[in-house]
């Protein structure tokens, strides 16, 4: 009986942890720290608060398929450590630019580049010998 009860308690705790428990509160905590980090590292003219929140949201979405509670706890621990290094300025402005902002902007530019070319130009740029399509 005690083992069944213990398993049920553990299952409820893991369910709370996975579906918005600790991860959601950590996300809210980070979003509350972002304005201070933005001012601390003097990034107001480079990136808006909305973009910073989008970056954090993308980072959380990278791990959306994680189901193990211990892994979730580990990721939260690593995230707290990372946010603490930015708050205490152990990582400085150029670290924020190269580790956080640059990948975000590169990903946006890659999406824009693909969508702006015509199909012929895209095939021309991707291959050395573009294939001309027959008109129907």
Foldseek 3Di string as FASTA:
>chain_A
DVVVVVVVVVVVVLVLLLPCHPVVVLLVVVLVCQVVLCVVQVCVVPDPSVVVNVLSVVVVVVCNPDRDSVVSVVVSVVVVVVVVCSVVVVPHNVCCCPVGVVVVVVVVVVVVVVVPDDPQVVQVVVDVDRDDDDDD
